[in-house]
Amino acid sequence: MNNQVIVLQGGLSLSPFRINKINDTLKGFGNTVKEVSDVFLINIDKTKSIDIEKLKNLLGAKSFEEVKNTLYIAPRKGTISPWSSKATDILHNCDLDFVVRAEHVKCMVFENPVSLEIKQNTELFDRMMESTHTNIHELNSLFQEFKPTPQNDLEIINNPKNLNSIDREMGLALSESEKEYLIKSYQELGKEPTESELMMFAQANSEHCRHKIFNADWTIDGVEQPKSLFKMIRNTEANTDKPAISAYKDNSAVFDGGESVRWLVDEDNKYFQQNNTADILIKVETHNHPTAISPYPGAATGSGGEIRDEAATGQGSRPKAGLTGFSVSHLQIPENINKWEENLIGKPERIVSALEIMIEAPLGAAAFNNEFGRPNICGYFRNMEINTEDYGWRGYHKPIMLAGGLGTINRELAIKQDTQAGDYLAVLGGPAMLIGLGGGAASSMTSGSSCADLDFASVQRGNPEMERRCQEVIDRCWSQGDENPIRSIHDVGAGGLSNAMPELLDDAGLGGVLELR
C-alpha cells in the first residue's frame, strides 16, 4: 500500500453559546458536551515528497492526541464531503500534491462515556450526510473505495401487483395510469425494469417536474372550463400591453432592461469593460415540502434552486438579489400563547411546527444567499390558522416557502438556441449522490402518504460554495458574447439528472449518449 492516513488536530469549532444549545438537546441523557473541535484526516501518497509541517501550517493544525469520552462526526462512508473536494483542491494548488484527499471531522468531547443513545441521537448529526464513531481508527475506512453495485431487476412483468409495493418502498408517487403504462411498456419490451429506470421515470414524470395537475383540463359542476390552472396564471401576460421578452417558457422570465456598463473578468483574470443592453430577470418559486420536513436545508436549497434557475435562463445570466417569504400556521410561542392560539388541533407528526420553521428556515435561506454572494434584500411573513363553519380547519401546517430574485442577462442571450446534433452535454457541480434525489416525487405525494425516512431523504442539502463556482463558469461563458459556448442550459434541481438531461434532450428533439462514470 502506497497510501497512509494521518490525523491532525484543529482548533475549537463551536463557541460556548453553540455548545449550550447542543447540551439543551441532551437533557435527560445524563451527559454534556465540554468542547467541539476540528479533526483533519489526510490520505497521503507515501511515494511523493511529504511536508507535514507545511500541511499543519495551512490547516492551522497540530499533532493529534486521542481524548477519552469522544464522539467523532464524520462524512458517511462512501461519500466525499463538499469540504473535502474544496480543501483537497486548495492543498494541491499550494503544491501539496502528496495529499490524495483531505477530510474534515467534528470531534465532540463529553463529560462522561458516550452511550449508544447519544451516538444515535440525530439532533447531533445529519444522518443523510454524516455518521458517528467513538474510535478514531474507524475513520480510516472513509478513504476506502468501493466498486459500483450492480443494477437490480424488479419483477413486474409476470407479477404486476409487485409494482404497488415497489412504488411505496421507493417513494415513486406513481399514479394508477402510470403503473399501467409501465407494466404494458415492459411487457412489450420483454424485460424487467431496473431500480434506476423506475426512479428516473418517477422523477421526470412527477407532478413537481411535469405539472400534470396545473396543465390538466377542469370540469366544475359539469361545465368544462376554458383554461387550465397554468393558462389562468399566464392570462395576465397574454393581456398585457407590453409583453415580456420571455415568459413561461424558460427557467425565469426576462423583461425589457436598458443600456448597461459592466466590469467583467477575461480569460487572463483581468477586468474589462462591456457595454451592452442588459435585460431584467425575475423569478419566484416555492419549496414547501422540504421546508416542512427540515426547515434549514429546505429553505436553503429553495433559495439555491431559484438562484440556479436565474443562472440557467437563456444562454446564461447573472443572479443579483434575492427575496424569501413564509406563510405558516400560528406560532404558539411557549410562555406567550395568544388567545386565538388556544384550543388548536395540533400538527401532523412528520412535519415541524410553525415556530421551528420560522426560527430555522429564514436563517437557511439567508445563509445560502450570503454564502453564494447574493444579498437577500426583501420578503414577507404571514401566519393563519382558522376554523371555518363550512370547511373546517384551514391553515399552513405545510408552509409556503417562497424563494425569488432578480438578475440581469444580455439581450442577445435571453432566448435559448436550438441544440444541434453533435453538441456536447456537460454537467457542472459536485457529486450529488442520493441526497434529495426523491424530491420531485416526494413533494408530489399527499403529505404523510410516504414513510418518514423517505420524507427526510427527499430534502436536498445546500452547497453554496460549489454553486458559486458553477456561476463563475457560467459568467465566463456568457461574458464572451458571440463566442459564448452555451447554446442551452438547465439547472439540476428536483429529480436530479433524471429530469435535467431528458429535459435538455426533449427540448432539442434529439437523443443523447450519456457517460455516467
Protein backbone atom coordinates (compact mmCIF):
# COMPACT_ATOMS: atom_id res chain seq x y z
CA MET A 1 0.00 0.00 0.00
CA ASN A 2 1.42 3.39 -1.04
CA ASN A 3 -1.13 5.40 0.93
CA GLN A 4 -1.27 6.26 4.61
CA VAL A 5 -3.87 8.15 6.68
CA ILE A 6 -2.60 10.72 9.17
CA VAL A 7 -4.74 12.56 11.74
CA LEU A 8 -4.23 16.22 12.70
CA GLN A 9 -5.93 18.22 15.46
CA GLY A 10 -7.53 21.53 14.51
CA GLY A 11 -8.85 24.30 16.73
CA LEU A 12 -12.14 24.70 18.58
CA SER A 13 -15.04 24.91 16.13
CA LEU A 14 -18.01 25.92 18.30
CA SER A 15 -18.47 28.76 20.80
CA PRO A 16 -19.80 28.14 24.35
CA PHE A 17 -23.16 29.53 23.19
CA ARG A 18 -23.45 26.87 20.45
CA ILE A 19 -22.31 24.14 22.84
CA ASN A 20 -25.02 25.19 25.30
CA LYS A 21 -27.61 24.76 22.53
CA ILE A 22 -26.32 21.23 21.90
CA ASN A 23 -26.47 20.45 25.61
CA ASP A 24 -30.10 21.60 25.69
CA THR A 25 -30.90 18.72 23.30
CA LEU A 26 -29.04 16.26 25.57
CA LYS A 27 -31.12 16.88 28.70
CA GLY A 28 -32.21 13.50 30.01
CA PHE A 29 -29.14 11.68 28.64
CA GLY A 30 -27.05 12.27 31.77
CA ASN A 31 -24.18 13.72 29.76
CA THR A 32 -22.96 17.07 28.41
CA VAL A 33 -20.52 18.27 25.74
CA LYS A 34 -17.39 20.02 27.04
CA GLU A 35 -15.91 21.17 23.74
CA VAL A 36 -16.18 20.69 19.97
CA SER A 37 -13.10 20.85 17.78
CA ASP A 38 -11.94 20.09 14.24
CA VAL A 39 -10.03 16.96 13.31
CA PHE A 40 -8.45 16.52 9.87
CA LEU A 41 -7.90 13.14 8.25
CA ILE A 42 -5.34 13.28 5.46
CA ASN A 43 -4.83 10.43 3.00
CA ILE A 44 -1.25 10.83 1.74
CA ASP A 45 0.78 9.20 -1.03
CA LYS A 46 3.98 7.89 0.59
CA THR A 47 5.80 7.72 -2.77
CA LYS A 48 5.87 11.53 -3.05
CA SER A 49 7.82 14.21 -1.21
CA ILE A 50 5.93 14.88 2.07
CA ASP A 51 5.96 18.15 4.04
CA ILE A 52 3.78 17.64 7.13
CA GLU A 53 4.81 20.94 8.74
CA LYS A 54 3.62 22.94 5.73
CA LEU A 55 0.37 20.98 5.83
CA LYS A 56 -0.08 21.77 9.55
CA ASN A 57 0.56 25.46 8.95
CA LEU A 58 -2.01 25.68 6.16
CA LEU A 59 -4.66 23.89 8.22
CA GLY A 60 -3.79 25.64 11.50
CA ALA A 61 -3.40 22.16 12.97
CA LYS A 62 -1.12 20.21 15.31
CA SER A 63 -0.42 16.55 16.03
CA PHE A 64 -3.44 14.60 17.20
CA GLU A 65 -3.82 13.15 20.69
CA GLU A 66 -6.88 11.00 21.35
CA VAL A 67 -9.08 12.04 24.29
CA LYS A 68 -11.50 9.74 26.11
CA ASN A 69 -15.29 10.21 26.00
CA THR A 70 -15.14 11.48 22.40
CA LEU A 71 -17.74 11.26 19.63
CA TYR A 72 -16.49 11.77 16.07
CA ILE A 73 -18.99 13.02 13.48
CA ALA A 74 -17.69 12.21 10.01
CA PRO A 75 -19.00 12.12 6.44
CA ARG A 76 -20.82 8.90 5.58
CA LYS A 77 -18.59 6.13 4.31
CA GLY A 78 -18.52 6.02 0.52
CA THR A 79 -19.17 9.75 0.14
CA ILE A 80 -16.92 12.77 -0.43
CA SER A 81 -17.96 15.86 1.51
CA PRO A 82 -18.08 19.33 -0.09
CA TRP A 83 -15.38 20.39 2.38
CA SER A 84 -13.13 17.58 1.17
CA SER A 85 -13.34 18.42 -2.53
CA LYS A 86 -12.68 22.11 -1.88
CA ALA A 87 -9.88 21.60 0.68
CA THR A 88 -8.11 18.99 -1.46
CA ASP A 89 -8.14 21.38 -4.44
CA ILE A 90 -6.67 24.17 -2.28
CA LEU A 91 -3.92 21.91 -0.91
CA HIS A 92 -2.99 20.79 -4.44
CA ASN A 93 -2.82 24.44 -5.53
CA CYS A 94 -0.41 25.02 -2.64
CA ASP A 95 1.94 22.36 -4.10
CA LEU A 96 0.99 19.70 -1.54
CA ASP A 97 0.47 17.07 -4.21
CA PHE A 98 1.26 14.26 -1.75
CA VAL A 99 -2.26 14.77 -0.37
CA VAL A 100 -4.58 12.28 -2.07
CA ARG A 101 -7.62 13.58 -0.19
CA ALA A 102 -8.32 15.61 2.95
CA GLU A 103 -11.42 15.13 5.09
CA HIS A 104 -12.90 17.09 8.00
CA VAL A 105 -14.40 15.52 11.14
CA LYS A 106 -16.15 17.12 14.12
CA CYS A 107 -14.76 15.97 17.47
CA MET A 108 -17.17 16.23 20.46
CA VAL A 109 -15.67 15.68 23.91
CA PHE A 110 -18.20 14.67 26.59
CA GLU A 111 -18.08 14.74 30.39
CA ASN A 112 -18.93 11.03 30.62
CA PRO A 113 -18.59 7.98 28.32
CA VAL A 114 -20.65 8.24 25.12
CA SER A 115 -23.70 5.97 25.28
CA LEU A 116 -25.32 4.26 22.28
CA GLU A 117 -28.34 6.58 22.72
CA ILE A 118 -26.12 9.65 22.32
CA LYS A 119 -24.27 8.09 19.37
CA GLN A 120 -27.60 7.58 17.60
CA ASN A 121 -29.10 10.96 18.60
CA THR A 122 -29.93 12.63 15.27
CA GLU A 123 -30.02 16.06 16.97
CA LEU A 124 -26.22 15.87 16.88
CA PHE A 125 -25.68 14.96 13.21
CA ASP A 126 -27.36 14.87 9.79
CA ARG A 127 -27.94 11.19 9.11
CA MET A 128 -28.22 11.82 5.35
CA MET A 129 -24.63 13.08 5.17
CA GLU A 130 -22.88 12.07 8.40
CA SER A 131 -22.14 9.09 10.64
CA THR A 132 -20.93 8.85 14.24
CA HIS A 133 -17.94 6.96 15.65
CA THR A 134 -16.31 6.56 19.06
CA ASN A 135 -12.97 5.25 17.78
CA ILE A 136 -10.73 7.42 15.60
CA HIS A 137 -9.29 4.35 13.85
CA GLU A 138 -12.72 3.51 12.42
CA LEU A 139 -12.40 6.63 10.27
CA ASN A 140 -9.66 5.17 8.06
CA SER A 141 -12.50 3.48 6.16
CA LEU A 142 -13.58 6.94 4.86
CA PHE A 143 -10.93 6.61 2.17
CA GLN A 144 -11.86 3.07 1.17
CA GLU A 145 -13.01 2.84 -2.44
CA PHE A 146 -15.95 0.65 -3.36
CA LYS A 147 -16.95 -0.94 -6.65
CA PRO A 148 -20.30 0.28 -8.01
CA THR A 149 -23.10 -2.13 -7.08
CA PRO A 150 -24.82 -3.94 -9.96
CA GLN A 151 -28.31 -2.92 -11.04
CA ASN A 152 -31.22 -4.99 -9.73
CA ASP A 153 -34.05 -6.11 -12.00
CA LEU A 154 -37.50 -5.75 -10.41
CA GLU A 155 -40.20 -8.31 -11.21
CA ILE A 156 -43.35 -6.72 -12.62
CA ILE A 157 -43.98 -8.43 -15.98
CA ASN A 158 -45.47 -11.61 -14.52
CA ASN A 159 -46.36 -10.01 -11.18
CA PRO A 160 -47.82 -6.56 -11.94
CA LYS A 161 -49.10 -6.09 -8.36
CA ASN A 162 -45.47 -6.05 -7.24
CA LEU A 163 -45.24 -2.52 -8.66
CA ASN A 164 -47.51 -1.28 -5.83
CA SER A 165 -45.05 -2.31 -3.12
CA ILE A 166 -42.07 -1.03 -5.17
CA ASP A 167 -43.88 2.30 -5.51
CA ARG A 168 -44.35 2.59 -1.74
CA GLU A 169 -40.85 1.43 -0.77
CA MET A 170 -39.05 3.70 -3.25
CA GLY A 171 -41.41 6.67 -2.81
CA LEU A 172 -42.12 6.93 -6.56
CA ALA A 173 -45.58 8.56 -6.25
CA LEU A 174 -46.84 6.75 -9.37
CA SER A 175 -50.46 7.20 -10.44
CA GLU A 176 -52.54 4.18 -11.48
CA SER A 177 -52.33 5.20 -15.16
CA GLU A 178 -48.53 5.47 -14.89
CA LYS A 179 -48.33 2.00 -13.35
CA GLU A 180 -50.43 0.57 -16.18
CA TYR A 181 -48.22 2.36 -18.72
CA LEU A 182 -45.02 0.95 -17.16
CA ILE A 183 -46.33 -2.61 -16.94
CA LYS A 184 -47.53 -2.55 -20.56
CA SER A 185 -44.27 -0.98 -21.81
CA TYR A 186 -42.01 -3.52 -20.08
CA GLN A 187 -44.21 -6.42 -21.17
CA GLU A 188 -43.83 -5.21 -24.78
CA LEU A 189 -40.07 -4.82 -24.32
CA GLY A 190 -39.84 -8.29 -22.79
CA LYS A 191 -37.56 -7.15 -19.96
CA GLU A 192 -37.88 -6.27 -16.30
CA PRO A 193 -37.20 -2.66 -15.19
CA THR A 194 -34.17 -1.79 -13.11
CA GLU A 195 -34.30 0.30 -9.94
CA SER A 196 -32.60 3.17 -11.78
CA GLU A 197 -35.12 3.13 -14.63
CA LEU A 198 -38.12 3.31 -12.29
CA MET A 199 -36.50 6.03 -10.18
CA MET A 200 -35.69 8.07 -13.28
CA PHE A 201 -39.23 7.67 -14.65
CA ALA A 202 -40.74 8.73 -11.30
CA GLN A 203 -38.65 11.90 -11.07
CA ALA A 204 -39.09 13.02 -14.68
CA ASN A 205 -42.85 12.34 -14.56
CA SER A 206 -43.57 13.72 -11.09
CA GLU A 207 -46.11 16.49 -10.59
CA HIS A 208 -43.24 18.68 -9.42
CA CYS A 209 -41.41 18.35 -12.76
CA ARG A 210 -44.29 17.88 -15.23
CA HIS A 211 -47.10 19.99 -13.68
CA LYS A 212 -49.76 17.50 -14.75
CA ILE A 213 -52.44 18.95 -12.45
CA PHE A 214 -51.61 22.52 -13.46
CA ASN A 215 -51.88 21.62 -17.15
CA ALA A 216 -55.00 19.44 -16.79
CA ASP A 217 -58.46 20.25 -18.18
CA TRP A 218 -61.00 21.14 -15.49
CA THR A 219 -64.72 20.42 -15.26
CA ILE A 220 -66.56 22.25 -12.46
CA ASP A 221 -70.21 21.46 -11.71
CA GLY A 222 -70.45 19.71 -15.08
CA VAL A 223 -69.10 22.70 -17.02
CA GLU A 224 -65.80 22.36 -18.92
CA GLN A 225 -63.52 25.28 -18.06
CA PRO A 226 -61.78 27.14 -20.90
CA LYS A 227 -58.47 27.46 -19.10
CA SER A 228 -56.20 25.14 -17.15
CA LEU A 229 -54.60 26.45 -13.96
CA PHE A 230 -51.45 27.24 -15.90
CA LYS A 231 -53.38 29.13 -18.59
CA MET A 232 -55.07 31.15 -15.84
CA ILE A 233 -51.65 32.11 -14.48
CA ARG A 234 -50.45 33.03 -17.98
CA ASN A 235 -53.55 35.09 -18.68
CA THR A 236 -52.07 38.27 -17.18
CA GLU A 237 -49.09 38.12 -19.50
CA ALA A 238 -51.32 37.37 -22.50
CA ASN A 239 -53.39 40.50 -21.87
CA THR A 240 -50.62 42.98 -21.09
CA ASP A 241 -49.82 45.87 -23.44
CA LYS A 242 -46.09 45.25 -23.19
CA PRO A 243 -45.34 41.51 -23.00
CA ALA A 244 -42.12 40.12 -21.61
CA ILE A 245 -39.19 39.18 -23.83
CA SER A 246 -39.51 35.65 -22.44
CA ALA A 247 -42.14 34.31 -20.02
CA TYR A 248 -43.42 30.83 -19.01
CA LYS A 249 -41.02 29.08 -21.38
CA ASP A 250 -37.69 29.23 -19.57
CA ASN A 251 -36.34 28.94 -16.03
CA SER A 252 -37.16 32.59 -15.29
CA ALA A 253 -38.88 35.49 -17.06
CA VAL A 254 -36.99 38.21 -18.95
CA PHE A 255 -38.23 41.81 -19.11
CA ASP A 256 -37.00 44.79 -21.07
CA GLY A 257 -33.99 46.42 -19.39
CA GLY A 258 -31.67 49.09 -20.68
CA GLU A 259 -28.14 50.08 -21.59
CA SER A 260 -25.53 48.93 -19.09
CA VAL A 261 -21.82 49.18 -18.40
CA ARG A 262 -20.28 46.13 -16.69
CA TRP A 263 -16.90 45.14 -15.38
CA LEU A 264 -16.21 41.51 -16.27
CA VAL A 265 -13.22 39.19 -15.95
CA ASP A 266 -11.43 37.87 -19.05
CA GLU A 267 -9.57 34.57 -19.53
CA ASP A 268 -6.40 36.15 -18.10
CA ASN A 269 -8.27 37.10 -14.89
CA LYS A 270 -8.17 40.78 -15.78
CA TYR A 271 -11.16 43.12 -15.66
CA PHE A 272 -12.56 44.61 -18.85
CA GLN A 273 -15.49 46.92 -19.58
CA GLN A 274 -18.51 45.64 -21.54
CA ASN A 275 -21.20 47.99 -22.90
CA ASN A 276 -24.44 46.32 -23.97
CA THR A 277 -28.19 46.04 -23.38
CA ALA A 278 -28.88 44.15 -20.14
CA ASP A 279 -32.42 42.87 -19.58
CA ILE A 280 -34.01 42.05 -16.23
CA LEU A 281 -34.69 38.55 -14.91
CA ILE A 282 -37.43 37.83 -12.38
CA LYS A 283 -38.24 34.53 -10.70
CA VAL A 284 -40.20 33.17 -7.75
CA GLU A 285 -40.88 29.56 -6.83
CA THR A 286 -41.83 27.59 -3.73
CA HIS A 287 -40.02 24.94 -1.67
CA ASN A 288 -42.81 23.93 0.68
CA HIS A 289 -42.44 20.18 1.27
CA PRO A 290 -38.69 20.24 2.11
CA THR A 291 -39.15 23.24 4.44
CA ALA A 292 -41.95 21.41 6.30
CA ILE A 293 -39.64 18.40 6.90
CA SER A 294 -36.25 20.08 7.53
CA PRO A 295 -36.63 23.88 7.64
CA TYR A 296 -32.99 25.00 7.46
CA PRO A 297 -31.81 22.86 4.50
CA GLY A 298 -35.28 23.01 2.91
CA ALA A 299 -35.29 26.81 2.76
CA ALA A 300 -31.57 26.98 1.92
CA THR A 301 -31.99 24.75 -1.13
CA GLY A 302 -35.16 26.64 -2.05
CA SER A 303 -33.05 29.76 -2.46
CA GLY A 304 -30.27 27.74 -4.09
CA GLY A 305 -32.65 26.30 -6.67
CA GLU A 306 -34.05 29.72 -7.50
CA ILE A 307 -30.53 31.11 -7.99
CA ARG A 308 -29.76 28.24 -10.38
CA ASP A 309 -32.97 28.93 -12.30
CA GLU A 310 -31.85 32.50 -12.89
CA ALA A 311 -28.36 31.41 -13.97
CA ALA A 312 -29.90 28.81 -16.34
CA THR A 313 -32.06 31.30 -18.23
CA GLY A 314 -31.43 31.84 -21.93
CA GLN A 315 -27.78 31.11 -22.64
CA GLY A 316 -26.58 32.05 -19.17
CA SER A 317 -27.11 35.04 -16.89
CA ARG A 318 -26.18 36.61 -13.55
CA PRO A 319 -28.37 36.47 -10.38
CA LYS A 320 -28.29 39.79 -8.47
CA ALA A 321 -30.67 39.99 -5.47
CA GLY A 322 -32.96 37.61 -3.59
CA LEU A 323 -36.23 37.54 -1.68
CA THR A 324 -37.77 34.96 0.66
CA GLY A 325 -41.26 34.63 2.08
CA PHE A 326 -43.07 32.37 4.53
CA SER A 327 -46.72 31.55 5.24
CA VAL A 328 -47.19 29.32 8.29
CA SER A 329 -49.80 28.38 10.88
CA HIS A 330 -49.91 30.07 14.30
CA LEU A 331 -46.53 30.16 16.05
CA GLN A 332 -47.75 29.30 19.60
CA ILE A 333 -44.61 30.69 21.23
CA PRO A 334 -44.14 28.96 24.65
CA GLU A 335 -44.94 31.23 27.60
CA ASN A 336 -46.57 33.64 25.15
CA ILE A 337 -49.66 31.90 23.74
CA ASN A 338 -52.14 34.35 22.25
CA LYS A 339 -55.86 33.97 22.87
CA TRP A 340 -56.59 32.97 19.26
CA GLU A 341 -53.87 30.28 19.50
CA GLU A 342 -55.66 28.36 22.25
CA ASN A 343 -57.52 25.09 21.55
CA LEU A 344 -55.88 24.45 18.18
CA ILE A 345 -55.89 20.94 16.67
CA GLY A 346 -52.12 20.33 16.60
CA LYS A 347 -49.98 19.36 13.60
CA PRO A 348 -49.07 16.17 11.69
CA GLU A 349 -46.22 14.19 13.26
CA ARG A 350 -43.88 14.24 10.28
CA ILE A 351 -43.62 17.98 9.83
CA VAL A 352 -42.12 20.50 12.22
CA SER A 353 -44.02 23.26 13.99
CA ALA A 354 -44.62 26.73 12.57
CA LEU A 355 -42.33 28.15 15.28
CA GLU A 356 -39.48 25.82 14.31
CA ILE A 357 -39.95 26.76 10.66
CA MET A 358 -39.75 30.49 11.43
CA ILE A 359 -36.68 30.03 13.65
CA GLU A 360 -34.71 27.86 11.20
CA ALA A 361 -35.96 28.47 7.65
CA PRO A 362 -35.20 32.22 7.30
CA LEU A 363 -31.66 31.50 8.55
CA GLY A 364 -31.21 28.73 5.98
CA ALA A 365 -32.39 30.89 3.09
CA ALA A 366 -30.34 33.92 4.19
CA ALA A 367 -27.23 31.79 4.79
CA PHE A 368 -27.33 30.25 1.31
CA ASN A 369 -27.81 33.66 -0.32
CA ASN A 370 -24.96 35.18 1.70
CA GLU A 371 -22.56 32.29 1.13
CA PHE A 372 -23.33 32.29 -2.59
CA GLY A 373 -22.65 36.03 -2.70
CA ARG A 374 -26.13 37.40 -3.40
CA PRO A 375 -27.91 39.74 -0.96
CA ASN A 376 -31.35 38.65 0.22
CA ILE A 377 -32.98 42.07 0.44
CA CYS A 378 -36.72 41.58 0.90
CA GLY A 379 -39.51 39.14 1.70
CA TYR A 380 -42.69 38.60 3.68
CA PHE A 381 -44.06 36.64 6.67
CA ARG A 382 -47.70 35.74 7.35
CA ASN A 383 -49.45 33.26 9.60
CA MET A 384 -53.01 31.91 9.54
CA GLU A 385 -54.92 29.08 11.20
CA ILE A 386 -58.72 29.34 11.36
CA ASN A 387 -61.72 27.07 11.91
CA THR A 388 -64.35 27.83 9.25
CA GLU A 389 -68.00 26.88 9.54
CA ASP A 390 -68.21 25.33 6.06
CA TYR A 391 -64.75 23.81 5.53
CA GLY A 392 -63.32 23.09 9.00
CA TRP A 393 -59.73 23.96 9.88
CA ARG A 394 -57.62 25.87 7.35
CA GLY A 395 -54.02 26.96 7.78
CA TYR A 396 -50.41 26.48 6.71
CA HIS A 397 -49.14 23.41 8.60
CA LYS A 398 -47.45 22.63 5.29
CA PRO A 399 -45.88 26.06 4.84
CA ILE A 400 -45.40 28.24 1.81
CA MET A 401 -41.66 28.86 1.43
CA LEU A 402 -41.26 31.41 -1.36
CA ALA A 403 -37.82 31.87 -2.95
CA GLY A 404 -37.33 34.54 -5.58
CA GLY A 405 -34.94 37.03 -7.02
CA LEU A 406 -33.80 39.44 -9.71
CA GLY A 407 -30.93 39.17 -12.15
CA THR A 408 -29.59 40.51 -15.44
CA ILE A 409 -29.00 38.95 -18.83
CA ASN A 410 -27.51 40.22 -22.08
CA ARG A 411 -30.27 40.97 -24.62
CA GLU A 412 -28.74 38.71 -27.28
CA LEU A 413 -28.58 35.77 -24.82
CA ALA A 414 -32.15 35.99 -23.50
CA ILE A 415 -33.51 33.22 -25.75
CA LYS A 416 -32.06 29.70 -25.82
CA GLN A 417 -30.62 28.50 -29.13
CA ASP A 418 -31.68 25.25 -30.78
CA THR A 419 -29.46 22.36 -29.77
CA GLN A 420 -27.72 20.78 -32.76
CA ALA A 421 -26.80 17.15 -33.42
CA GLY A 422 -23.21 16.66 -32.23
CA ASP A 423 -23.39 19.28 -29.45
CA TYR A 424 -21.83 18.32 -26.12
CA LEU A 425 -23.78 17.82 -22.88
CA ALA A 426 -21.83 18.94 -19.82
CA VAL A 427 -22.70 18.81 -16.11
CA LEU A 428 -21.31 21.43 -13.71
CA GLY A 429 -21.13 20.91 -9.94
CA GLY A 430 -20.20 18.39 -7.28
CA PRO A 431 -21.36 14.81 -6.75
CA ALA A 432 -24.98 14.97 -5.52
CA MET A 433 -25.22 11.24 -4.67
CA LEU A 434 -28.66 10.21 -3.39
CA ILE A 435 -29.25 13.32 -1.29
CA GLY A 436 -32.60 14.81 -2.23
CA LEU A 437 -32.95 12.68 -5.36
CA GLY A 438 -36.54 11.77 -4.49
CA GLY A 439 -37.51 15.42 -4.05
CA GLY A 440 -39.58 15.63 -7.22
CA ALA A 441 -41.62 12.52 -6.40
CA ALA A 442 -41.82 13.07 -2.63
CA SER A 443 -43.13 16.61 -2.95
CA SER A 444 -45.74 15.32 -5.41
CA MET A 445 -47.26 12.96 -2.85
CA THR A 446 -50.07 13.73 -0.45
CA SER A 447 -48.37 14.79 2.82
CA GLY A 448 -47.98 11.83 5.15
CA SER A 449 -48.52 9.16 2.47
CA SER A 450 -44.83 8.17 2.38
CA CYS A 451 -42.68 6.88 5.24
CA ALA A 452 -40.82 9.37 7.43
CA ASP A 453 -37.39 8.21 6.17
CA LEU A 454 -38.40 8.87 2.54
CA ASP A 455 -39.67 12.32 3.51
CA PHE A 456 -36.36 13.12 5.23
CA ALA A 457 -34.26 11.70 2.37
CA SER A 458 -36.13 13.82 -0.17
CA VAL A 459 -34.69 17.07 1.24
CA GLN A 460 -31.60 18.28 -0.58
CA ARG A 461 -28.57 19.72 1.20
CA GLY A 462 -27.10 23.06 0.16
CA ASN A 463 -23.59 23.70 -1.14
CA PRO A 464 -23.49 27.44 -1.94
CA GLU A 465 -19.72 27.50 -2.46
CA MET A 466 -19.98 24.89 -5.22
CA GLU A 467 -22.91 26.79 -6.72
CA ARG A 468 -20.77 29.94 -6.76
CA ARG A 469 -18.06 28.00 -8.62
CA CYS A 470 -20.64 26.94 -11.21
CA GLN A 471 -21.83 30.53 -11.53
CA GLU A 472 -18.27 31.70 -12.16
CA VAL A 473 -18.00 29.23 -15.08
CA ILE A 474 -21.35 30.41 -16.47
CA ASP A 475 -20.26 34.07 -16.10
CA ARG A 476 -17.03 33.38 -18.03
CA CYS A 477 -19.11 31.81 -20.82
CA TRP A 478 -21.78 34.47 -21.33
CA SER A 479 -19.29 37.34 -20.93
CA GLN A 480 -17.67 36.16 -24.19
CA GLY A 481 -20.70 37.47 -26.10
CA ASP A 482 -20.80 35.98 -29.60
CA GLU A 483 -18.17 33.43 -28.53
CA ASN A 484 -20.38 32.10 -25.70
CA PRO A 485 -20.15 28.27 -25.94
CA ILE A 486 -23.55 27.76 -24.24
CA ARG A 487 -26.50 27.13 -26.57
CA SER A 488 -28.95 25.99 -23.90
CA ILE A 489 -28.74 25.47 -20.14
CA HIS A 490 -30.95 23.93 -17.42
CA ASP A 491 -30.45 23.69 -13.68
CA VAL A 492 -30.24 20.29 -11.98
CA GLY A 493 -33.00 20.57 -9.37
CA ALA A 494 -35.69 18.14 -8.19
CA GLY A 495 -35.22 14.76 -9.82
CA GLY A 496 -31.52 15.39 -10.43
CA LEU A 497 -30.05 14.31 -13.75
CA SER A 498 -33.09 12.02 -14.18
CA ASN A 499 -35.02 15.17 -15.07
CA ALA A 500 -32.40 17.69 -16.24
CA MET A 501 -30.82 15.64 -19.04
CA PRO A 502 -34.08 14.36 -20.58
CA GLU A 503 -35.40 17.94 -20.41
CA LEU A 504 -32.46 19.23 -22.45
CA LEU A 505 -32.75 16.39 -24.97
CA ASP A 506 -36.55 16.60 -25.25
CA ASP A 507 -36.41 20.34 -25.91
CA ALA A 508 -33.93 19.63 -28.70
CA GLY A 509 -35.97 16.76 -30.17
CA LEU A 510 -32.79 14.67 -30.16
CA GLY A 511 -31.35 11.63 -28.44
CA GLY A 512 -28.13 11.66 -26.47
CA VAL A 513 -25.25 9.48 -25.25
CA LEU A 514 -24.58 9.97 -21.51
CA GLU A 515 -21.41 8.85 -19.75
CA LEU A 516 -22.49 8.06 -16.19
CA ARG A 517 -18.95 7.32 -15.00
